[in-house]
Amino acid sequence: MNASFEWLGPAGDLARAIERSKNGENTEPIPLDGDPYHQSWGYALRLVLTYSYLDRPSDVARLYDALAKSYIT
């Protein structure tokens, strides 16, 4: 997946999945790997975290570090 604009569609799909989960419409874990469709969600999340990453210890930084191992290109 190209980091230009292709990640925006999967990011929107992931945001809707998160919203459904928050509203109780879905109780299943949100997949971020496995098939290519869900891998694109993990990649989009990694980009969002990259763009919002702060140089200090935080939950966002720890999540970024965990995802970076799988999605570094």
N, C-alpha and C. Protein backbone atom coordinates (compact mmCIF):
# COMPACT_ATOMS: atom_id res chain seq x y z
N MET A 1 0.84 -1.17 0.00
CA MET A 1 0.00 0.00 0.00
C MET A 1 0.89 1.24 0.00
N ASN A 2 0.58 2.16 -0.84
CA ASN A 2 1.30 3.41 -0.96
C ASN A 2 0.88 4.36 0.15
N ALA A 3 1.83 5.09 0.71
CA ALA A 3 1.53 5.99 1.83
C ALA A 3 0.97 7.33 1.37
N SER A 4 0.75 7.52 0.08
CA SER A 4 0.24 8.81 -0.37
C SER A 4 -1.20 9.02 0.07
N PHE A 5 -2.15 8.44 -0.63
CA PHE A 5 -3.55 8.62 -0.26
C PHE A 5 -4.30 7.30 -0.13
N GLU A 6 -3.69 6.21 -0.57
CA GLU A 6 -4.38 4.91 -0.56
C GLU A 6 -4.77 4.46 0.83
N TRP A 7 -4.10 4.93 1.85
CA TRP A 7 -4.38 4.51 3.22
C TRP A 7 -5.63 5.18 3.78
N LEU A 8 -6.12 6.23 3.13
CA LEU A 8 -7.27 6.97 3.67
C LEU A 8 -8.55 6.14 3.66
N GLY A 9 -8.77 5.36 2.61
CA GLY A 9 -9.96 4.49 2.56
C GLY A 9 -9.96 3.48 3.70
N PRO A 10 -8.86 2.70 3.84
CA PRO A 10 -8.80 1.77 4.96
C PRO A 10 -8.89 2.47 6.32
N ALA A 11 -8.32 3.67 6.44
CA ALA A 11 -8.41 4.40 7.71
C ALA A 11 -9.86 4.73 8.02
N GLY A 12 -10.63 5.11 7.00
CA GLY A 12 -12.06 5.38 7.21
C GLY A 12 -12.81 4.13 7.61
N ASP A 13 -12.50 3.00 6.95
CA ASP A 13 -13.14 1.73 7.31
C ASP A 13 -12.80 1.35 8.74
N LEU A 14 -11.53 1.53 9.12
CA LEU A 14 -11.11 1.22 10.48
C LEU A 14 -11.82 2.13 11.48
N ALA A 15 -11.94 3.41 11.17
CA ALA A 15 -12.63 4.34 12.06
C ALA A 15 -14.09 3.92 12.26
N ARG A 16 -14.75 3.48 11.20
CA ARG A 16 -16.13 3.00 11.33
C ARG A 16 -16.20 1.73 12.17
N ALA A 17 -15.21 0.84 12.01
CA ALA A 17 -15.19 -0.39 12.82
C ALA A 17 -14.98 -0.05 14.29
N ILE A 18 -14.12 0.92 14.57
CA ILE A 18 -13.88 1.34 15.95
C ILE A 18 -15.16 1.95 16.52
N GLU A 19 -15.84 2.76 15.74
CA GLU A 19 -17.08 3.40 16.19
C GLU A 19 -18.15 2.35 16.48
N ARG A 20 -18.29 1.34 15.60
CA ARG A 20 -19.25 0.26 15.85
C ARG A 20 -18.91 -0.48 17.14
N SER A 21 -17.63 -0.67 17.38
CA SER A 21 -17.19 -1.34 18.60
C SER A 21 -17.52 -0.50 19.83
N LYS A 22 -17.26 0.80 19.75
CA LYS A 22 -17.54 1.70 20.87
C LYS A 22 -19.04 1.76 21.17
N ASN A 23 -19.88 1.66 20.12
CA ASN A 23 -21.33 1.72 20.29
C ASN A 23 -21.94 0.39 20.69
N GLY A 24 -21.11 -0.65 20.79
CA GLY A 24 -21.60 -1.96 21.18
C GLY A 24 -22.21 -2.75 20.04
N GLU A 25 -22.11 -2.25 18.82
CA GLU A 25 -22.65 -2.96 17.66
C GLU A 25 -21.81 -4.18 17.29
N ASN A 26 -20.54 -4.16 17.68
CA ASN A 26 -19.63 -5.26 17.39
C ASN A 26 -18.80 -5.52 18.64
N THR A 27 -18.80 -6.77 19.09
CA THR A 27 -18.03 -7.12 20.29
C THR A 27 -16.78 -7.92 19.96
N GLU A 28 -16.56 -8.17 18.68
CA GLU A 28 -15.38 -8.93 18.25
C GLU A 28 -14.16 -8.01 18.22
N PRO A 29 -12.96 -8.57 18.42
CA PRO A 29 -11.75 -7.76 18.27
C PRO A 29 -11.65 -7.21 16.84
N ILE A 30 -11.07 -6.04 16.71
CA ILE A 30 -10.88 -5.43 15.40
C ILE A 30 -9.58 -5.99 14.81
N PRO A 31 -9.67 -6.72 13.70
CA PRO A 31 -8.46 -7.34 13.13
C PRO A 31 -7.58 -6.30 12.44
N LEU A 32 -6.29 -6.42 12.66
CA LEU A 32 -5.32 -5.53 12.02
C LEU A 32 -4.31 -6.30 11.20
N ASP A 33 -4.53 -7.61 11.07
CA ASP A 33 -3.62 -8.44 10.28
C ASP A 33 -4.42 -9.58 9.69
N GLY A 34 -3.73 -10.53 9.10
CA GLY A 34 -4.41 -11.65 8.45
C GLY A 34 -4.54 -11.38 6.97
N ASP A 35 -5.79 -11.25 6.52
CA ASP A 35 -6.00 -11.02 5.08
C ASP A 35 -5.56 -9.60 4.70
N PRO A 36 -5.30 -9.38 3.40
CA PRO A 36 -4.80 -8.07 2.97
C PRO A 36 -5.71 -6.91 3.34
N TYR A 37 -7.03 -7.11 3.34
CA TYR A 37 -7.97 -6.04 3.70
C TYR A 37 -7.72 -5.57 5.13
N HIS A 38 -7.59 -6.50 6.07
CA HIS A 38 -7.36 -6.12 7.46
C HIS A 38 -5.92 -5.67 7.69
N GLN A 39 -4.98 -6.16 6.90
CA GLN A 39 -3.62 -5.65 6.98
C GLN A 39 -3.58 -4.16 6.62
N SER A 40 -4.44 -3.77 5.69
CA SER A 40 -4.49 -2.36 5.31
C SER A 40 -4.99 -1.51 6.48
N TRP A 41 -5.83 -2.06 7.35
CA TRP A 41 -6.27 -1.35 8.56
C TRP A 41 -5.09 -1.15 9.50
N GLY A 42 -4.29 -2.19 9.68
CA GLY A 42 -3.11 -2.09 10.54
C GLY A 42 -2.12 -1.07 9.99
N TYR A 43 -1.95 -1.06 8.67
CA TYR A 43 -1.05 -0.11 8.04
C TYR A 43 -1.57 1.32 8.21
N ALA A 44 -2.86 1.50 8.02
CA ALA A 44 -3.46 2.84 8.19
C ALA A 44 -3.31 3.30 9.63
N LEU A 45 -3.53 2.40 10.58
CA LEU A 45 -3.37 2.77 11.99
C LEU A 45 -1.92 3.15 12.27
N ARG A 46 -1.00 2.41 11.71
CA ARG A 46 0.41 2.74 11.90
C ARG A 46 0.74 4.13 11.37
N LEU A 47 0.18 4.48 10.20
CA LEU A 47 0.43 5.81 9.66
C LEU A 47 -0.18 6.90 10.55
N VAL A 48 -1.39 6.67 11.03
CA VAL A 48 -2.01 7.65 11.93
C VAL A 48 -1.16 7.83 13.18
N LEU A 49 -0.68 6.72 13.73
CA LEU A 49 0.16 6.81 14.92
C LEU A 49 1.49 7.48 14.61
N THR A 50 2.03 7.21 13.42
CA THR A 50 3.28 7.85 13.03
C THR A 50 3.11 9.36 12.97
N TYR A 51 2.01 9.79 12.37
CA TYR A 51 1.77 11.23 12.22
C TYR A 51 1.47 11.90 13.56
N SER A 52 1.03 11.13 14.55
CA SER A 52 0.70 11.73 15.85
C SER A 52 1.71 11.34 16.94
N TYR A 53 2.80 10.70 16.54
CA TYR A 53 3.80 10.21 17.49
C TYR A 53 4.53 11.36 18.19
N LEU A 54 4.64 11.26 19.50
CA LEU A 54 5.38 12.25 20.28
C LEU A 54 6.65 11.60 20.81
N ASP A 55 7.71 12.36 20.93
CA ASP A 55 8.98 11.82 21.41
C ASP A 55 9.02 11.73 22.93
N ARG A 56 8.08 11.09 23.50
CA ARG A 56 8.07 10.85 24.94
C ARG A 56 7.29 9.57 25.20
N PRO A 57 7.51 8.92 26.31
CA PRO A 57 6.77 7.69 26.61
C PRO A 57 5.26 7.98 26.71
N SER A 58 4.49 7.18 26.01
CA SER A 58 3.04 7.32 26.04
C SER A 58 2.43 6.04 25.51
N ASP A 59 1.12 5.90 25.69
CA ASP A 59 0.43 4.75 25.13
C ASP A 59 0.51 4.76 23.61
N VAL A 60 0.43 5.95 23.00
CA VAL A 60 0.54 6.05 21.55
C VAL A 60 1.92 5.59 21.09
N ALA A 61 2.96 6.00 21.80
CA ALA A 61 4.32 5.60 21.43
C ALA A 61 4.49 4.09 21.55
N ARG A 62 3.96 3.49 22.60
CA ARG A 62 4.07 2.04 22.77
C ARG A 62 3.29 1.30 21.68
N LEU A 63 2.11 1.79 21.33
CA LEU A 63 1.33 1.16 20.27
C LEU A 63 2.05 1.29 18.94
N TYR A 64 2.61 2.46 18.68
CA TYR A 64 3.40 2.67 17.45
C TYR A 64 4.54 1.66 17.38
N ASP A 65 5.29 1.51 18.47
CA ASP A 65 6.43 0.60 18.49
C ASP A 65 5.99 -0.83 18.21
N ALA A 66 4.86 -1.24 18.78
CA ALA A 66 4.36 -2.60 18.58
C ALA A 66 3.96 -2.82 17.13
N LEU A 67 3.29 -1.85 16.52
CA LEU A 67 2.84 -2.01 15.14
C LEU A 67 3.99 -1.84 14.15
N ALA A 68 4.96 -1.05 14.49
CA ALA A 68 6.08 -0.79 13.58
C ALA A 68 6.80 -2.07 13.20
N LYS A 69 6.86 -3.01 14.12
CA LYS A 69 7.55 -4.27 13.85
C LYS A 69 6.90 -5.02 12.68
N SER A 70 5.59 -4.86 12.51
CA SER A 70 4.88 -5.57 11.46
C SER A 70 4.69 -4.78 10.19
N TYR A 71 4.72 -3.44 10.28
CA TYR A 71 4.32 -2.65 9.13
C TYR A 71 5.38 -1.69 8.63
N ILE A 72 6.62 -1.82 9.07
CA ILE A 72 7.69 -0.96 8.55
C ILE A 72 7.90 -1.33 7.09
N THR A 73 7.93 -0.33 6.24
CA THR A 73 8.10 -0.62 4.80
C THR A 73 9.45 -0.15 4.32
